[in-house]
Structures are given as C-alpha cells and as structure tokens.
Amino acid sequence: MHSNLLIQETNMLRFDIAPVCSNAYRFQATMSFAIAAIYLFTPYKWVAFLLAFGGFIRGFVSPHKCLSYKLFESITRKMNWTKKVNAGSKMFADKIAAIAGLAMGVTWLMDSGVGMIPATAILIFAFIDLSTGFCAACWAYAAWYKMKAA
C-alpha cells in the first residue's frame, strides 16, 4: 500500500519540465500582487490581461519560457537564493492565475464588477506568498493528490 501511495503522489510531479526556483516565484507573486492592486485601486483594469498572459505562459506552456520568470530566476541565482522545486504545483498556481486574470479582464470588458472577486483573491493569496513563501494553490494541489490517494 505504501508503494501505491508513493506512485500516486509522484503522479503530481512534473518530470517533463525542469524544476523551478520557488524564490523566483515569490518575486512572481509580488508581480501578481501589484497587478491585482492596480486592477482593484486604479482605472487601469487592462492589467488583468498581463496576469492572464503570464499565468498562461508559465502554467500551460512552461515557466522557463516566461520572460518574468527568467528575470526573477536570474536575480535569485545572483543573490545565491535559489531553491529548486518540482514545477507541478507552481504550474497549477499559474493556471489559476491565468484563469483569474482572464475572468478579471473579460468581466471588465463586459463592464461588470465581478472581476473584483478574483482580483481580491489574487491580492490576498499573492501577499501571503510573497511575504511568507506559503503558496495556497501549491498546498491545494498537494492536498488534492493526497486526498485522491486515500
């Protein structure tokens, strides 16, 4: 039974994508926080599409193809602050960011205030991530696979 659990837990890992730097993702969380704050507190709602685009590239293509991730990974490497982790949970978080950013942008174009809901969620969870390193989406990703294995 233990080996079956181990096999199921490794199903959540992404071995087809090189590991990513979790500290570079903290910088990325800072960007998500800034975009959500701009969306919520300024008239520049179009920034939601930046969140959607970045989340799409990192989450559905590869973090290593994203210019902001490359920049933040380079900064953390120069600061000797590299902490490599499997890309799976971070890519899941980026998929959520892509969907939230798209919802924010589309509802803005439709002149609806519904986009404030995902923007507020991004603002809160990105702040938690950038200030503590706790990624709620990563935690949910791991919890889902543990629950599936039980």
C-alpha atoms as a PDB file:
ATOM      1  CA  MET A   1       0.000   0.000   0.000  1.00  0.00           C
ATOM      2  CA  HIS A   2       2.836   2.418   0.806  1.00  0.00           C
ATOM      3  CA  SER A   3       4.373   1.937  -2.648  1.00  0.00           C
ATOM      4  CA  ASN A   4       0.961   2.611  -4.241  1.00  0.00           C
ATOM      5  CA  LEU A   5       0.721   5.887  -2.295  1.00  0.00           C
ATOM      6  CA  LEU A   6       4.229   6.835  -3.407  1.00  0.00           C
ATOM      7  CA  ILE A   7       3.352   6.153  -7.045  1.00  0.00           C
ATOM      8  CA  GLN A   8       0.191   8.258  -6.791  1.00  0.00           C
ATOM      9  CA  GLU A   9       1.997  11.128  -5.071  1.00  0.00           C
ATOM     10  CA  THR A  10       4.663  11.185  -7.781  1.00  0.00           C
ATOM     11  CA  ASN A  11       1.902  11.486 -10.393  1.00  0.00           C
ATOM     12  CA  MET A  12       1.521  15.101  -9.312  1.00  0.00           C
ATOM     13  CA  LEU A  13       5.172  15.824 -10.044  1.00  0.00           C
ATOM     14  CA  ARG A  14       6.189  17.197 -13.416  1.00  0.00           C
ATOM     15  CA  PHE A  15       9.302  15.451 -14.703  1.00  0.00           C
ATOM     16  CA  ASP A  16       8.772  16.768 -18.228  1.00  0.00           C
ATOM     17  CA  ILE A  17       9.554  20.328 -17.053  1.00  0.00           C
ATOM     18  CA  ALA A  18      12.801  21.297 -15.342  1.00  0.00           C
ATOM     19  CA  PRO A  19      12.485  22.249 -11.654  1.00  0.00           C
ATOM     20  CA  VAL A  20      11.727  25.889 -10.900  1.00  0.00           C
ATOM     21  CA  CYS A  21      13.063  28.263  -8.273  1.00  0.00           C
ATOM     22  CA  SER A  22      10.452  28.772  -5.563  1.00  0.00           C
ATOM     23  CA  ASN A  23      12.088  32.050  -4.526  1.00  0.00           C
ATOM     24  CA  ALA A  24      11.800  33.365  -8.091  1.00  0.00           C
ATOM     25  CA  TYR A  25       8.116  32.545  -7.734  1.00  0.00           C
ATOM     26  CA  ARG A  26       7.984  34.800  -4.675  1.00  0.00           C
ATOM     27  CA  PHE A  27       9.032  37.656  -6.949  1.00  0.00           C
ATOM     28  CA  GLN A  28       6.358  36.485  -9.369  1.00  0.00           C
ATOM     29  CA  ALA A  29       3.841  36.662  -6.501  1.00  0.00           C
ATOM     30  CA  THR A  30       4.935  40.272  -5.986  1.00  0.00           C
ATOM     31  CA  MET A  31       4.024  40.971  -9.613  1.00  0.00           C
ATOM     32  CA  SER A  32       0.647  39.249  -9.185  1.00  0.00           C
ATOM     33  CA  PHE A  33       0.027  41.309  -6.043  1.00  0.00           C
ATOM     34  CA  ALA A  34       0.904  44.542  -7.890  1.00  0.00           C
ATOM     35  CA  ILE A  35      -1.337  43.657 -10.838  1.00  0.00           C
ATOM     36  CA  ALA A  36      -4.255  42.834  -8.527  1.00  0.00           C
ATOM     37  CA  ALA A  37      -3.733  46.088  -6.609  1.00  0.00           C
ATOM     38  CA  ILE A  38      -3.625  48.120  -9.832  1.00  0.00           C
ATOM     39  CA  TYR A  39      -6.792  46.370 -11.019  1.00  0.00           C
ATOM     40  CA  LEU A  40      -8.612  46.981  -7.740  1.00  0.00           C
ATOM     41  CA  PHE A  41      -7.483  50.522  -6.926  1.00  0.00           C
ATOM     42  CA  THR A  42      -6.878  52.278 -10.255  1.00  0.00           C
ATOM     43  CA  PRO A  43      -8.799  52.672 -13.502  1.00  0.00           C
ATOM     44  CA  TYR A  44      -6.206  50.504 -15.319  1.00  0.00           C
ATOM     45  CA  LYS A  45      -8.208  47.281 -15.407  1.00  0.00           C
ATOM     46  CA  TRP A  46      -6.479  46.135 -18.608  1.00  0.00           C
ATOM     47  CA  VAL A  47      -3.559  44.924 -16.451  1.00  0.00           C
ATOM     48  CA  ALA A  48      -5.652  41.806 -15.798  1.00  0.00           C
ATOM     49  CA  PHE A  49      -4.583  40.606 -19.232  1.00  0.00           C
ATOM     50  CA  LEU A  50      -0.926  40.760 -18.120  1.00  0.00           C
ATOM     51  CA  LEU A  51      -1.787  38.396 -15.263  1.00  0.00           C
ATOM     52  CA  ALA A  52      -3.702  36.136 -17.661  1.00  0.00           C
ATOM     53  CA  PHE A  53      -0.900  36.107 -20.247  1.00  0.00           C
ATOM     54  CA  GLY A  54       1.896  35.442 -17.745  1.00  0.00           C
ATOM     55  CA  GLY A  55      -0.128  32.775 -15.972  1.00  0.00           C
ATOM     56  CA  PHE A  56      -0.922  31.138 -19.308  1.00  0.00           C
ATOM     57  CA  ILE A  57       2.737  31.024 -20.414  1.00  0.00           C
ATOM     58  CA  ARG A  58       4.004  29.716 -17.063  1.00  0.00           C
ATOM     59  CA  GLY A  59       1.087  27.402 -16.335  1.00  0.00           C
ATOM     60  CA  PHE A  60       0.144  25.945 -19.699  1.00  0.00           C
ATOM     61  CA  VAL A  61       3.421  26.228 -21.656  1.00  0.00           C
ATOM     62  CA  SER A  62       6.442  26.321 -19.320  1.00  0.00           C
ATOM     63  CA  PRO A  63       7.736  28.676 -16.631  1.00  0.00           C
ATOM     64  CA  HIS A  64      11.079  28.553 -18.418  1.00  0.00           C
ATOM     65  CA  LYS A  65       9.539  30.258 -21.477  1.00  0.00           C
ATOM     66  CA  CYS A  66       8.267  33.220 -19.435  1.00  0.00           C
ATOM     67  CA  LEU A  67      10.411  36.362 -19.513  1.00  0.00           C
ATOM     68  CA  SER A  68       9.478  37.477 -15.993  1.00  0.00           C
ATOM     69  CA  TYR A  69      10.303  34.045 -14.545  1.00  0.00           C
ATOM     70  CA  LYS A  70      13.652  34.066 -16.376  1.00  0.00           C
ATOM     71  CA  LEU A  71      14.398  37.500 -14.926  1.00  0.00           C
ATOM     72  CA  PHE A  72      13.422  36.534 -11.371  1.00  0.00           C
ATOM     73  CA  GLU A  73      15.278  33.225 -11.587  1.00  0.00           C
ATOM     74  CA  SER A  74      18.386  35.104 -12.722  1.00  0.00           C
ATOM     75  CA  ILE A  75      18.075  37.556  -9.811  1.00  0.00           C
ATOM     76  CA  THR A  76      17.669  34.787  -7.229  1.00  0.00           C
ATOM     77  CA  ARG A  77      20.609  32.893  -8.726  1.00  0.00           C
ATOM     78  CA  LYS A  78      22.833  36.003  -8.453  1.00  0.00           C
ATOM     79  CA  MET A  79      21.655  36.502  -4.853  1.00  0.00           C
ATOM     80  CA  ASN A  80      22.502  32.833  -4.138  1.00  0.00           C
ATOM     81  CA  TRP A  81      18.855  32.422  -3.112  1.00  0.00           C
ATOM     82  CA  THR A  82      17.994  29.539  -5.409  1.00  0.00           C
ATOM     83  CA  LYS A  83      15.650  26.867  -4.086  1.00  0.00           C
ATOM     84  CA  LYS A  84      14.623  24.416  -6.786  1.00  0.00           C
ATOM     85  CA  VAL A  85      11.271  22.643  -6.533  1.00  0.00           C
ATOM     86  CA  ASN A  86       9.227  20.480  -8.859  1.00  0.00           C
ATOM     87  CA  ALA A  87       7.309  22.606 -11.365  1.00  0.00           C
ATOM     88  CA  GLY A  88       3.954  20.821 -10.981  1.00  0.00           C
ATOM     89  CA  SER A  89       2.412  22.780  -8.129  1.00  0.00           C
ATOM     90  CA  LYS A  90       3.769  26.124  -9.337  1.00  0.00           C
ATOM     91  CA  MET A  91       2.318  25.494 -12.798  1.00  0.00           C
ATOM     92  CA  PHE A  92      -1.021  24.694 -11.158  1.00  0.00           C
ATOM     93  CA  ALA A  93      -0.887  28.048  -9.341  1.00  0.00           C
ATOM     94  CA  ASP A  94      -0.114  29.758 -12.650  1.00  0.00           C
ATOM     95  CA  LYS A  95      -3.120  28.103 -14.292  1.00  0.00           C
ATOM     96  CA  ILE A  96      -5.299  29.582 -11.555  1.00  0.00           C
ATOM     97  CA  ALA A  97      -3.679  32.992 -12.139  1.00  0.00           C
ATOM     98  CA  ALA A  98      -4.329  32.702 -15.877  1.00  0.00           C
ATOM     99  CA  ILE A  99      -7.988  31.882 -15.344  1.00  0.00           C
ATOM    100  CA  ALA A 100      -8.412  34.595 -12.690  1.00  0.00           C
ATOM    101  CA  GLY A 101      -6.709  37.185 -14.905  1.00  0.00           C
ATOM    102  CA  LEU A 102      -8.874  36.223 -17.865  1.00  0.00           C
ATOM    103  CA  ALA A 103     -12.018  36.440 -15.711  1.00  0.00           C
ATOM    104  CA  MET A 104     -10.911  39.847 -14.439  1.00  0.00           C
ATOM    105  CA  GLY A 105     -10.220  41.145 -17.945  1.00  0.00           C
ATOM    106  CA  VAL A 106     -13.339  39.745 -19.589  1.00  0.00           C
ATOM    107  CA  THR A 107     -15.675  40.988 -16.858  1.00  0.00           C
ATOM    108  CA  TRP A 108     -14.045  44.430 -17.108  1.00  0.00           C
ATOM    109  CA  LEU A 109     -14.697  44.451 -20.877  1.00  0.00           C
ATOM    110  CA  MET A 110     -18.293  43.485 -20.124  1.00  0.00           C
ATOM    111  CA  ASP A 111     -18.496  46.424 -17.682  1.00  0.00           C
ATOM    112  CA  SER A 112     -19.121  44.091 -14.750  1.00  0.00           C
ATOM    113  CA  GLY A 113     -17.640  44.333 -11.285  1.00  0.00           C
ATOM    114  CA  VAL A 114     -17.409  40.545 -10.899  1.00  0.00           C
ATOM    115  CA  GLY A 115     -13.677  40.704 -11.685  1.00  0.00           C
ATOM    116  CA  MET A 116     -13.156  42.289  -8.271  1.00  0.00           C
ATOM    117  CA  ILE A 117     -13.704  38.850  -6.693  1.00  0.00           C
ATOM    118  CA  PRO A 118     -10.775  37.024  -8.345  1.00  0.00           C
ATOM    119  CA  ALA A 119      -8.681  40.211  -8.098  1.00  0.00           C
ATOM    120  CA  THR A 120      -9.217  40.305  -4.336  1.00  0.00           C
ATOM    121  CA  ALA A 121      -8.351  36.610  -4.041  1.00  0.00           C
ATOM    122  CA  ILE A 122      -5.144  37.150  -6.053  1.00  0.00           C
ATOM    123  CA  LEU A 123      -4.267  40.187  -3.922  1.00  0.00           C
ATOM    124  CA  ILE A 124      -4.674  38.245  -0.669  1.00  0.00           C
ATOM    125  CA  PHE A 125      -3.028  34.980  -1.703  1.00  0.00           C
ATOM    126  CA  ALA A 126      -0.179  36.676  -3.577  1.00  0.00           C
ATOM    127  CA  PHE A 127       0.546  38.784  -0.487  1.00  0.00           C
ATOM    128  CA  ILE A 128       0.659  35.665   1.683  1.00  0.00           C
ATOM    129  CA  ASP A 129       3.029  34.015  -0.799  1.00  0.00           C
ATOM    130  CA  LEU A 130       5.362  36.974  -1.218  1.00  0.00           C
ATOM    131  CA  SER A 131       5.538  37.694   2.493  1.00  0.00           C
ATOM    132  CA  THR A 132       5.763  34.149   3.870  1.00  0.00           C
ATOM    133  CA  GLY A 133       6.566  31.842   0.959  1.00  0.00           C
ATOM    134  CA  PHE A 134       3.319  29.900   1.535  1.00  0.00           C
ATOM    135  CA  CYS A 135       1.629  29.195  -1.787  1.00  0.00           C
ATOM    136  CA  ALA A 136      -2.019  28.338  -1.149  1.00  0.00           C
ATOM    137  CA  ALA A 137      -2.512  26.944  -4.661  1.00  0.00           C
ATOM    138  CA  CYS A 138       0.555  24.719  -4.230  1.00  0.00           C
ATOM    139  CA  TRP A 139      -0.846  23.487  -0.918  1.00  0.00           C
ATOM    140  CA  ALA A 140      -4.242  22.790  -2.551  1.00  0.00           C
ATOM    141  CA  TYR A 141      -2.503  20.960  -5.398  1.00  0.00           C
ATOM    142  CA  ALA A 142      -0.667  18.654  -2.992  1.00  0.00           C
ATOM    143  CA  ALA A 143      -3.759  18.191  -0.799  1.00  0.00           C
ATOM    144  CA  TRP A 144      -5.820  17.184  -3.837  1.00  0.00           C
ATOM    145  CA  TYR A 145      -3.370  14.443  -4.751  1.00  0.00           C
ATOM    146  CA  LYS A 146      -3.126  13.207  -1.167  1.00  0.00           C
ATOM    147  CA  MET A 147      -6.908  13.108  -0.930  1.00  0.00           C
ATOM    148  CA  LYS A 148      -7.114  11.261  -4.258  1.00  0.00           C
ATOM    149  CA  ALA A 149      -4.603   8.702  -2.999  1.00  0.00           C
ATOM    150  CA  ALA A 150      -6.567   7.981   0.201  1.00  0.00           C
END
